[in-house]
Amino acid sequence: MRQVAERAGVSPTAFYRHFKDKSELKAALMRRGFELLNEGRNNASSFASYGAHYIRFGLDYPHIYDLMFGNIDIDMHLHPDLKAQFNESFDGLVEGLRPFMPEASEKDLKIKAVNIWASVHGLVGILRRDDWQANKIESLEWIENNLEEYLQLTTFR
């Protein structure tokens, strides 16, 4: 925590006034990450633009993204609001799928949502590789322009 405070340009004492420990800091970062992610969903003009926003978020905020979706060492039972934010994010994905699958059952929608969620996380992982960084903008533009077709070909058949 001292190193974090030093990098933030504040004293450790000031830092501990806001966060009692590392777990509280991580939870605060995760909250902000879910806020940004969910705001992007609400502002998206299409399902594809939300997918591109999600990928861009993972690339622009890799450490927060990893906190949100990686193995974390905080007790989520102490932070039920984080679980609610995660659920809101996933539920938004399910709702975004409804127009593509109007006759699907809730179970089938959730299965497709998990499939898409895993694909998007895989794309973030690929694009975060150093050898892809030079082409990141071009790749993001391609993804944004082709995401709906990609989803049609890979998940709706």
N, C-alpha and C. Protein backbone atom coordinates (compact mmCIF):
# COMPACT_ATOMS: atom_id res chain seq x y z
N MET A 1 0.82 -1.19 0.00
CA MET A 1 0.00 0.00 0.00
C MET A 1 0.87 1.25 0.00
N ARG A 2 2.02 1.14 0.65
CA ARG A 2 2.92 2.29 0.66
C ARG A 2 3.39 2.62 -0.76
N GLN A 3 3.70 1.59 -1.53
CA GLN A 3 4.14 1.81 -2.90
C GLN A 3 3.03 2.42 -3.75
N VAL A 4 1.82 1.96 -3.55
CA VAL A 4 0.68 2.52 -4.29
C VAL A 4 0.50 3.98 -3.93
N ALA A 5 0.55 4.27 -2.64
CA ALA A 5 0.40 5.66 -2.19
C ALA A 5 1.51 6.54 -2.78
N GLU A 6 2.73 6.02 -2.78
CA GLU A 6 3.86 6.77 -3.33
C GLU A 6 3.65 7.06 -4.81
N ARG A 7 3.21 6.04 -5.56
CA ARG A 7 2.98 6.24 -7.00
C ARG A 7 1.82 7.21 -7.25
N ALA A 8 0.86 7.24 -6.32
CA ALA A 8 -0.28 8.16 -6.45
C ALA A 8 0.08 9.56 -5.99
N GLY A 9 1.24 9.71 -5.36
CA GLY A 9 1.69 11.02 -4.92
C GLY A 9 1.05 11.49 -3.63
N VAL A 10 0.64 10.53 -2.81
CA VAL A 10 0.04 10.89 -1.51
C VAL A 10 0.76 10.12 -0.41
N SER A 11 0.58 10.57 0.80
CA SER A 11 1.22 9.87 1.91
C SER A 11 0.43 8.59 2.23
N PRO A 12 1.11 7.59 2.76
CA PRO A 12 0.40 6.37 3.17
C PRO A 12 -0.73 6.66 4.16
N THR A 13 -0.52 7.62 5.03
CA THR A 13 -1.57 7.98 6.00
C THR A 13 -2.82 8.48 5.28
N ALA A 14 -2.63 9.34 4.32
CA ALA A 14 -3.76 9.85 3.54
C ALA A 14 -4.45 8.73 2.78
N PHE A 15 -3.65 7.83 2.26
CA PHE A 15 -4.19 6.70 1.51
C PHE A 15 -5.09 5.84 2.40
N TYR A 16 -4.63 5.57 3.61
CA TYR A 16 -5.40 4.71 4.53
C TYR A 16 -6.67 5.41 5.04
N ARG A 17 -6.77 6.69 4.86
CA ARG A 17 -8.04 7.37 5.21
C ARG A 17 -9.15 6.96 4.26
N HIS A 18 -8.76 6.62 3.02
CA HIS A 18 -9.74 6.25 2.00
C HIS A 18 -9.93 4.74 1.89
N PHE A 19 -8.89 3.98 2.10
CA PHE A 19 -8.93 2.53 1.95
C PHE A 19 -8.29 1.88 3.15
N LYS A 20 -9.03 1.01 3.83
CA LYS A 20 -8.47 0.41 5.04
C LYS A 20 -7.42 -0.64 4.73
N ASP A 21 -7.50 -1.23 3.52
CA ASP A 21 -6.50 -2.22 3.14
C ASP A 21 -6.52 -2.40 1.62
N LYS A 22 -5.67 -3.30 1.15
CA LYS A 22 -5.53 -3.54 -0.28
C LYS A 22 -6.83 -4.07 -0.88
N SER A 23 -7.55 -4.85 -0.13
CA SER A 23 -8.82 -5.39 -0.61
C SER A 23 -9.82 -4.28 -0.90
N GLU A 24 -9.87 -3.28 -0.05
CA GLU A 24 -10.78 -2.14 -0.27
C GLU A 24 -10.38 -1.35 -1.51
N LEU A 25 -9.09 -1.19 -1.73
CA LEU A 25 -8.61 -0.51 -2.93
C LEU A 25 -9.01 -1.29 -4.18
N LYS A 26 -8.78 -2.58 -4.17
CA LYS A 26 -9.16 -3.41 -5.32
C LYS A 26 -10.66 -3.34 -5.58
N ALA A 27 -11.44 -3.40 -4.53
CA ALA A 27 -12.90 -3.34 -4.69
C ALA A 27 -13.31 -2.00 -5.30
N ALA A 28 -12.68 -0.91 -4.88
CA ALA A 28 -13.00 0.42 -5.42
C ALA A 28 -12.64 0.48 -6.91
N LEU A 29 -11.50 -0.09 -7.28
CA LEU A 29 -11.10 -0.10 -8.68
C LEU A 29 -12.06 -0.94 -9.52
N MET A 30 -12.49 -2.07 -8.96
CA MET A 30 -13.44 -2.92 -9.67
C MET A 30 -14.78 -2.20 -9.84
N ARG A 31 -15.24 -1.53 -8.81
CA ARG A 31 -16.50 -0.76 -8.91
C ARG A 31 -16.43 0.23 -10.06
N ARG A 32 -15.34 0.97 -10.09
CA ARG A 32 -15.19 1.98 -11.15
C ARG A 32 -15.13 1.32 -12.52
N GLY A 33 -14.45 0.19 -12.61
CA GLY A 33 -14.38 -0.54 -13.88
C GLY A 33 -15.76 -0.97 -14.36
N PHE A 34 -16.56 -1.53 -13.46
CA PHE A 34 -17.91 -1.94 -13.85
C PHE A 34 -18.77 -0.74 -14.22
N GLU A 35 -18.58 0.39 -13.54
CA GLU A 35 -19.32 1.60 -13.91
C GLU A 35 -18.99 2.01 -15.34
N LEU A 36 -17.70 2.03 -15.66
CA LEU A 36 -17.28 2.40 -17.02
C LEU A 36 -17.80 1.41 -18.05
N LEU A 37 -17.72 0.14 -17.74
CA LEU A 37 -18.17 -0.89 -18.66
C LEU A 37 -19.68 -0.78 -18.89
N ASN A 38 -20.44 -0.63 -17.83
CA ASN A 38 -21.89 -0.56 -17.95
C ASN A 38 -22.35 0.74 -18.59
N GLU A 39 -21.63 1.85 -18.34
CA GLU A 39 -21.94 3.10 -19.03
C GLU A 39 -21.76 2.94 -20.53
N GLY A 40 -20.71 2.25 -20.92
CA GLY A 40 -20.47 2.00 -22.34
C GLY A 40 -21.58 1.19 -22.97
N ARG A 41 -22.11 0.24 -22.25
CA ARG A 41 -23.23 -0.55 -22.76
C ARG A 41 -24.45 0.35 -22.95
N ASN A 42 -24.71 1.20 -21.97
CA ASN A 42 -25.86 2.09 -22.05
C ASN A 42 -25.74 3.11 -23.16
N ASN A 43 -24.52 3.49 -23.51
CA ASN A 43 -24.29 4.49 -24.56
C ASN A 43 -24.05 3.87 -25.94
N ALA A 44 -24.00 2.55 -26.02
CA ALA A 44 -23.69 1.89 -27.29
C ALA A 44 -24.86 2.05 -28.27
N SER A 45 -24.51 2.27 -29.52
CA SER A 45 -25.54 2.42 -30.54
C SER A 45 -25.98 1.09 -31.12
N SER A 46 -25.21 0.04 -30.89
CA SER A 46 -25.56 -1.29 -31.39
C SER A 46 -24.86 -2.35 -30.53
N PHE A 47 -25.26 -3.57 -30.76
CA PHE A 47 -24.63 -4.68 -30.05
C PHE A 47 -23.14 -4.74 -30.38
N ALA A 48 -22.81 -4.49 -31.63
CA ALA A 48 -21.40 -4.51 -32.05
C ALA A 48 -20.61 -3.39 -31.40
N SER A 49 -21.20 -2.21 -31.28
CA SER A 49 -20.45 -1.10 -30.67
C SER A 49 -20.23 -1.37 -29.19
N TYR A 50 -21.17 -2.05 -28.53
CA TYR A 50 -20.93 -2.43 -27.14
C TYR A 50 -19.82 -3.46 -27.05
N GLY A 51 -19.82 -4.43 -27.94
CA GLY A 51 -18.73 -5.42 -27.95
C GLY A 51 -17.38 -4.76 -28.16
N ALA A 52 -17.33 -3.80 -29.07
CA ALA A 52 -16.08 -3.08 -29.32
C ALA A 52 -15.68 -2.26 -28.09
N HIS A 53 -16.67 -1.66 -27.43
CA HIS A 53 -16.38 -0.90 -26.20
C HIS A 53 -15.79 -1.83 -25.14
N TYR A 54 -16.36 -3.01 -24.99
CA TYR A 54 -15.91 -3.98 -24.00
C TYR A 54 -14.45 -4.36 -24.28
N ILE A 55 -14.16 -4.62 -25.54
CA ILE A 55 -12.79 -4.98 -25.92
C ILE A 55 -11.84 -3.80 -25.68
N ARG A 56 -12.27 -2.61 -26.08
CA ARG A 56 -11.44 -1.41 -25.89
C ARG A 56 -11.18 -1.19 -24.40
N PHE A 57 -12.20 -1.41 -23.57
CA PHE A 57 -12.03 -1.26 -22.13
C PHE A 57 -10.93 -2.22 -21.63
N GLY A 58 -10.97 -3.46 -22.08
CA GLY A 58 -9.97 -4.44 -21.66
C GLY A 58 -8.56 -4.06 -22.08
N LEU A 59 -8.45 -3.35 -23.20
CA LEU A 59 -7.14 -2.92 -23.69
C LEU A 59 -6.68 -1.63 -23.02
N ASP A 60 -7.61 -0.72 -22.76
CA ASP A 60 -7.25 0.56 -22.17
C ASP A 60 -7.01 0.50 -20.66
N TYR A 61 -7.68 -0.44 -20.00
CA TYR A 61 -7.58 -0.57 -18.54
C TYR A 61 -7.24 -2.02 -18.17
N PRO A 62 -6.11 -2.53 -18.62
CA PRO A 62 -5.82 -3.95 -18.43
C PRO A 62 -5.75 -4.39 -16.98
N HIS A 63 -5.25 -3.56 -16.10
CA HIS A 63 -5.12 -3.98 -14.70
C HIS A 63 -6.48 -4.02 -14.02
N ILE A 64 -7.33 -3.05 -14.32
CA ILE A 64 -8.68 -3.06 -13.75
C ILE A 64 -9.47 -4.22 -14.34
N TYR A 65 -9.34 -4.44 -15.64
CA TYR A 65 -9.99 -5.56 -16.32
C TYR A 65 -9.59 -6.89 -15.67
N ASP A 66 -8.30 -7.04 -15.40
CA ASP A 66 -7.83 -8.26 -14.75
C ASP A 66 -8.39 -8.40 -13.34
N LEU A 67 -8.51 -7.31 -12.62
CA LEU A 67 -9.13 -7.35 -11.29
C LEU A 67 -10.59 -7.80 -11.40
N MET A 68 -11.29 -7.27 -12.38
CA MET A 68 -12.71 -7.55 -12.53
C MET A 68 -12.98 -8.99 -12.95
N PHE A 69 -12.13 -9.54 -13.81
CA PHE A 69 -12.45 -10.83 -14.42
C PHE A 69 -11.42 -11.93 -14.15
N GLY A 70 -10.33 -11.59 -13.48
CA GLY A 70 -9.32 -12.59 -13.20
C GLY A 70 -9.51 -13.19 -11.82
N ASN A 71 -8.58 -13.99 -11.44
CA ASN A 71 -8.59 -14.55 -10.09
C ASN A 71 -8.15 -13.46 -9.12
N ILE A 72 -9.03 -13.11 -8.24
CA ILE A 72 -8.71 -12.04 -7.30
C ILE A 72 -8.71 -12.61 -5.89
N ASP A 73 -8.03 -11.92 -5.03
CA ASP A 73 -7.88 -12.41 -3.67
C ASP A 73 -8.72 -11.60 -2.68
N ILE A 74 -9.86 -11.08 -3.13
CA ILE A 74 -10.73 -10.40 -2.18
C ILE A 74 -11.97 -11.26 -1.95
N ASP A 75 -12.50 -11.16 -0.78
CA ASP A 75 -13.69 -11.93 -0.41
C ASP A 75 -14.92 -11.22 -0.97
N MET A 76 -15.49 -11.77 -2.02
CA MET A 76 -16.62 -11.13 -2.69
C MET A 76 -17.85 -11.07 -1.80
N HIS A 77 -17.93 -11.90 -0.78
CA HIS A 77 -19.05 -11.83 0.16
C HIS A 77 -19.06 -10.50 0.93
N LEU A 78 -17.88 -9.89 1.04
CA LEU A 78 -17.78 -8.60 1.71
C LEU A 78 -18.16 -7.43 0.79
N HIS A 79 -18.35 -7.74 -0.49
CA HIS A 79 -18.63 -6.69 -1.48
C HIS A 79 -19.78 -7.13 -2.39
N PRO A 80 -20.99 -7.27 -1.84
CA PRO A 80 -22.11 -7.75 -2.67
C PRO A 80 -22.44 -6.80 -3.82
N ASP A 81 -22.10 -5.54 -3.69
CA ASP A 81 -22.35 -4.60 -4.78
C ASP A 81 -21.55 -4.96 -6.02
N LEU A 82 -20.37 -5.55 -5.84
CA LEU A 82 -19.56 -5.96 -7.00
C LEU A 82 -20.23 -7.10 -7.75
N LYS A 83 -20.79 -8.03 -7.01
CA LYS A 83 -21.51 -9.13 -7.67
C LYS A 83 -22.71 -8.58 -8.43
N ALA A 84 -23.39 -7.60 -7.86
CA ALA A 84 -24.54 -6.99 -8.54
C ALA A 84 -24.08 -6.28 -9.82
N GLN A 85 -22.94 -5.60 -9.77
CA GLN A 85 -22.42 -4.93 -10.96
C GLN A 85 -22.01 -5.95 -12.03
N PHE A 86 -21.38 -7.04 -11.61
CA PHE A 86 -21.02 -8.09 -12.55
C PHE A 86 -22.29 -8.64 -13.20
N ASN A 87 -23.30 -8.92 -12.38
CA ASN A 87 -24.56 -9.46 -12.91
C ASN A 87 -25.21 -8.48 -13.87
N GLU A 88 -25.15 -7.19 -13.56
CA GLU A 88 -25.71 -6.18 -14.45
C GLU A 88 -25.02 -6.21 -15.80
N SER A 89 -23.71 -6.38 -15.78
CA SER A 89 -22.94 -6.44 -17.01
C SER A 89 -23.34 -7.66 -17.83
N PHE A 90 -23.43 -8.81 -17.18
CA PHE A 90 -23.79 -10.04 -17.89
C PHE A 90 -25.23 -9.98 -18.36
N ASP A 91 -26.13 -9.48 -17.52
CA ASP A 91 -27.54 -9.36 -17.90
C ASP A 91 -27.71 -8.44 -19.11
N GLY A 92 -26.87 -7.40 -19.19
CA GLY A 92 -26.91 -6.52 -20.36
C GLY A 92 -26.53 -7.26 -21.63
N LEU A 93 -25.59 -8.18 -21.53
CA LEU A 93 -25.22 -8.99 -22.67
C LEU A 93 -26.38 -9.88 -23.08
N VAL A 94 -27.03 -10.51 -22.11
CA VAL A 94 -28.18 -11.37 -22.41
C VAL A 94 -29.27 -10.55 -23.10
N GLU A 95 -29.55 -9.36 -22.58
CA GLU A 95 -30.58 -8.51 -23.18
C GLU A 95 -30.19 -8.08 -24.60
N GLY A 96 -28.92 -7.83 -24.82
CA GLY A 96 -28.46 -7.47 -26.15
C GLY A 96 -28.62 -8.59 -27.17
N LEU A 97 -28.67 -9.81 -26.69
CA LEU A 97 -28.83 -10.97 -27.58
C LEU A 97 -30.29 -11.21 -27.98
N ARG A 98 -31.22 -10.76 -27.17
CA ARG A 98 -32.63 -11.05 -27.43
C ARG A 98 -33.08 -10.74 -28.86
N PRO A 99 -32.71 -9.58 -29.42
CA PRO A 99 -33.14 -9.31 -30.80
C PRO A 99 -32.60 -10.32 -31.82
N PHE A 100 -31.43 -10.91 -31.53
CA PHE A 100 -30.85 -11.90 -32.43
C PHE A 100 -31.49 -13.27 -32.26
N MET A 101 -32.05 -13.51 -31.10
CA MET A 101 -32.61 -14.83 -30.76
C MET A 101 -33.98 -14.66 -30.11
N PRO A 102 -34.95 -14.10 -30.83
CA PRO A 102 -36.24 -13.77 -30.20
C PRO A 102 -37.02 -14.97 -29.69
N GLU A 103 -36.81 -16.13 -30.26
CA GLU A 103 -37.56 -17.33 -29.85
C GLU A 103 -36.81 -18.17 -28.81
N ALA A 104 -35.60 -17.77 -28.45
CA ALA A 104 -34.76 -18.58 -27.57
C ALA A 104 -35.26 -18.57 -26.14
N SER A 105 -35.01 -19.67 -25.47
CA SER A 105 -35.33 -19.76 -24.03
C SER A 105 -34.29 -18.96 -23.24
N GLU A 106 -34.61 -18.69 -22.00
CA GLU A 106 -33.67 -17.97 -21.13
C GLU A 106 -32.36 -18.76 -21.01
N LYS A 107 -32.47 -20.07 -20.89
CA LYS A 107 -31.28 -20.92 -20.78
C LYS A 107 -30.41 -20.79 -22.03
N ASP A 108 -31.03 -20.86 -23.22
CA ASP A 108 -30.26 -20.76 -24.46
C ASP A 108 -29.61 -19.38 -24.60
N LEU A 109 -30.34 -18.33 -24.21
CA LEU A 109 -29.75 -16.99 -24.24
C LEU A 109 -28.53 -16.91 -23.35
N LYS A 110 -28.61 -17.49 -22.16
CA LYS A 110 -27.47 -17.44 -21.23
C LYS A 110 -26.29 -18.26 -21.75
N ILE A 111 -26.59 -19.39 -22.39
CA ILE A 111 -25.50 -20.19 -22.97
C ILE A 111 -24.79 -19.39 -24.06
N LYS A 112 -25.56 -18.74 -24.93
CA LYS A 112 -24.96 -17.91 -25.98
C LYS A 112 -24.19 -16.74 -25.38
N ALA A 113 -24.74 -16.15 -24.33
CA ALA A 113 -24.07 -15.02 -23.68
C ALA A 113 -22.71 -15.46 -23.13
N VAL A 114 -22.65 -16.62 -22.50
CA VAL A 114 -21.37 -17.13 -21.98
C VAL A 114 -20.40 -17.37 -23.14
N ASN A 115 -20.91 -17.92 -24.24
CA ASN A 115 -20.08 -18.17 -25.41
C ASN A 115 -19.49 -16.86 -25.94
N ILE A 116 -20.32 -15.84 -26.08
CA ILE A 116 -19.86 -14.54 -26.58
C ILE A 116 -18.91 -13.89 -25.58
N TRP A 117 -19.25 -13.97 -24.30
CA TRP A 117 -18.41 -13.40 -23.25
C TRP A 117 -17.01 -14.02 -23.32
N ALA A 118 -16.95 -15.35 -23.46
CA ALA A 118 -15.66 -16.02 -23.55
C ALA A 118 -14.91 -15.60 -24.82
N SER A 119 -15.62 -15.45 -25.93
CA SER A 119 -14.98 -15.02 -27.18
C SER A 119 -14.39 -13.62 -27.04
N VAL A 120 -15.16 -12.72 -26.46
CA VAL A 120 -14.69 -11.34 -26.30
C VAL A 120 -13.47 -11.30 -25.38
N HIS A 121 -13.51 -12.07 -24.30
CA HIS A 121 -12.35 -12.11 -23.40
C HIS A 121 -11.14 -12.71 -24.12
N GLY A 122 -11.38 -13.68 -24.98
CA GLY A 122 -10.29 -14.24 -25.77
C GLY A 122 -9.70 -13.20 -26.71
N LEU A 123 -10.56 -12.41 -27.35
CA LEU A 123 -10.08 -11.35 -28.23
C LEU A 123 -9.26 -10.33 -27.46
N VAL A 124 -9.70 -9.97 -26.27
CA VAL A 124 -8.93 -9.03 -25.45
C VAL A 124 -7.55 -9.63 -25.16
N GLY A 125 -7.51 -10.89 -24.79
CA GLY A 125 -6.23 -11.54 -24.52
C GLY A 125 -5.30 -11.54 -25.72
N ILE A 126 -5.85 -11.82 -26.90
CA ILE A 126 -5.04 -11.82 -28.11
C ILE A 126 -4.52 -10.42 -28.42
N LEU A 127 -5.41 -9.43 -28.34
CA LEU A 127 -5.02 -8.07 -28.68
C LEU A 127 -4.07 -7.45 -27.67
N ARG A 128 -4.04 -7.99 -26.47
CA ARG A 128 -3.10 -7.46 -25.45
C ARG A 128 -1.69 -7.97 -25.65
N ARG A 129 -1.51 -8.93 -26.51
CA ARG A 129 -0.16 -9.43 -26.77
C ARG A 129 0.67 -8.32 -27.39
N ASP A 130 1.94 -8.26 -27.01
CA ASP A 130 2.82 -7.20 -27.49
C ASP A 130 2.90 -7.16 -29.01
N ASP A 131 2.92 -8.31 -29.66
CA ASP A 131 3.08 -8.32 -31.11
C ASP A 131 1.82 -7.86 -31.85
N TRP A 132 0.70 -7.70 -31.14
CA TRP A 132 -0.53 -7.18 -31.76
C TRP A 132 -0.72 -5.70 -31.46
N GLN A 133 0.03 -5.16 -30.54
CA GLN A 133 -0.20 -3.79 -30.10
C GLN A 133 -0.06 -2.77 -31.23
N ALA A 134 0.86 -3.01 -32.14
CA ALA A 134 1.06 -2.06 -33.24
C ALA A 134 -0.18 -1.96 -34.12
N ASN A 135 -0.94 -3.03 -34.20
CA ASN A 135 -2.14 -3.06 -35.05
C ASN A 135 -3.42 -2.91 -34.25
N LYS A 136 -3.32 -2.47 -33.00
CA LYS A 136 -4.48 -2.44 -32.11
C LYS A 136 -5.62 -1.60 -32.68
N ILE A 137 -5.35 -0.40 -33.12
CA ILE A 137 -6.40 0.48 -33.63
C ILE A 137 -7.06 -0.15 -34.84
N GLU A 138 -6.27 -0.64 -35.77
CA GLU A 138 -6.81 -1.28 -36.96
C GLU A 138 -7.65 -2.50 -36.57
N SER A 139 -7.17 -3.29 -35.63
CA SER A 139 -7.90 -4.47 -35.18
C SER A 139 -9.22 -4.08 -34.53
N LEU A 140 -9.20 -3.04 -33.70
CA LEU A 140 -10.43 -2.59 -33.05
C LEU A 140 -11.45 -2.09 -34.07
N GLU A 141 -10.99 -1.38 -35.08
CA GLU A 141 -11.90 -0.92 -36.12
C GLU A 141 -12.49 -2.10 -36.87
N TRP A 142 -11.67 -3.10 -37.18
CA TRP A 142 -12.17 -4.29 -37.85
C TRP A 142 -13.21 -4.99 -36.98
N ILE A 143 -12.91 -5.14 -35.71
CA ILE A 143 -13.84 -5.80 -34.80
C ILE A 143 -15.16 -5.03 -34.74
N GLU A 144 -15.08 -3.73 -34.56
CA GLU A 144 -16.30 -2.93 -34.46
C GLU A 144 -17.14 -3.03 -35.74
N ASN A 145 -16.48 -3.05 -36.89
CA ASN A 145 -17.19 -3.11 -38.16
C ASN A 145 -17.71 -4.50 -38.50
N ASN A 146 -17.16 -5.52 -37.89
CA ASN A 146 -17.51 -6.89 -38.26
C ASN A 146 -18.02 -7.75 -37.11
N LEU A 147 -18.20 -7.17 -35.93
CA LEU A 147 -18.55 -7.98 -34.76
C LEU A 147 -19.89 -8.67 -34.91
N GLU A 148 -20.89 -7.98 -35.40
CA GLU A 148 -22.20 -8.63 -35.55
C GLU A 148 -22.12 -9.80 -36.52
N GLU A 149 -21.41 -9.63 -37.64
CA GLU A 149 -21.25 -10.73 -38.59
C GLU A 149 -20.45 -11.87 -37.95
N TYR A 150 -19.40 -11.53 -37.22
CA TYR A 150 -18.61 -12.53 -36.51
C TYR A 150 -19.50 -13.34 -35.56
N LEU A 151 -20.35 -12.63 -34.82
CA LEU A 151 -21.24 -13.33 -33.89
C LEU A 151 -22.22 -14.21 -34.64
N GLN A 152 -22.75 -13.73 -35.75
CA GLN A 152 -23.68 -14.53 -36.54
C GLN A 152 -23.01 -15.83 -37.00
N LEU A 153 -21.78 -15.70 -37.49
CA LEU A 153 -21.08 -16.87 -38.04
C LEU A 153 -20.59 -17.83 -36.95
N THR A 154 -20.24 -17.31 -35.80
CA THR A 154 -19.64 -18.17 -34.79
C THR A 154 -20.57 -18.61 -33.67
N THR A 155 -21.67 -17.92 -33.46
CA THR A 155 -22.49 -18.29 -32.31
C THR A 155 -23.97 -18.50 -32.60
N PHE A 156 -24.45 -18.07 -33.75
CA PHE A 156 -25.89 -18.17 -33.99
C PHE A 156 -26.26 -19.26 -34.99
N ARG A 157 -25.36 -20.13 -35.31
CA ARG A 157 -25.68 -21.21 -36.26
C ARG A 157 -25.71 -22.53 -35.56
